[in-house]
Amino acid sequence: MTLMELTMASALMTIMAGAMSAMAIAMQQASTYNEGRTTALQHARVALERIDLMLTTAYAAPNHPGAAVYVDTLGTYRYPDTLIVWHPAGGTPVNAAGPPLISECIFYCWDPSAPTNLIELTAPSNNSTIPLDSILQTTAWRSTLNALKTASSSKKTVLTTLLRTASVSSGSGSLPTGMANLRGAVRFELTVTPSAATYSSYLAGNTTWANLPWPAGMYGSQFGLRQIWLRCELQLTPSVAPGQAGAASLSPIAFFGSSVLTDQMTP
């Protein structure tokens, strides 16, 4: 072979090697990207199914529905990111009419010591009562819930480590110890029909049993089916593999869940 032929062959091999290398890198990046999103999907599925299971098997009383959402307010911003589910061991609570004990409840929230973690929290040794009604939305209960989230006696089960975090301003409020200025991106919204206010109006004699807003008209002279409807939103950031761009450059993925607890009430 002449020198010219060798030079051309060498150049052709270099071009082919470069193309194959670029293709391999692209395939590896695509595989890693898909793996990250698949992992996030699996984390979301496990977390949402766990919350759904606990809510649909919760205990409920007329004045204390089976679940409540604590809405944290910092300045002008609203953060409904703590879900409380009344789920006594064995299905039978100490106080059948409520309020439930803290030890009978399961709490879902982001972890103040690791805001990327969504946790399931219990406090099995705490036998104080907790209201699952409007009284829960007070500064005193905010302090109690923050203390539960950071107490060494509380038991935490991590449902996902991929929560998106965002910086917040405390405004006129105060942030939990160890939280710095980050919050995990999780949101709960709860609708109770008939609402506690509407039921109180019935008890006060201001409305009739038949005129309560029973879902799908499911009521009779001796019963009524109350609906406790929960909507969840999780924003998860796909995990980052070695050599990839940082998590801040990855777009979070929003996952949504919906669960319903039906509670039979009597006049």
Foldseek 3Di string as FASTA:
>chain_A
DDPVVVVVVVVVVVVVVVVVVVVVVVVVVVVLVVVLVVVVVVLVVQVQVVVQVQQQLFAQALQAGQKAFAWDDFANDIARFKIKGQAAVVSDAPDNRDDGFQQRIWIWGAQLQQQLWIKIKGQNVGGHGDGRAPVCHDPVNVVVVLCRSPPPNMDIDTSDNFFDKDFDDRHPHDDRPNNHRIHGPKHKDKDKFVHSVLVVCVVVVNDDPQPGPAVVSAADQFKGKMKIKMKMKTWGQGDDDPPDDDSVPTGTDIDMHMHIHIDMDGD
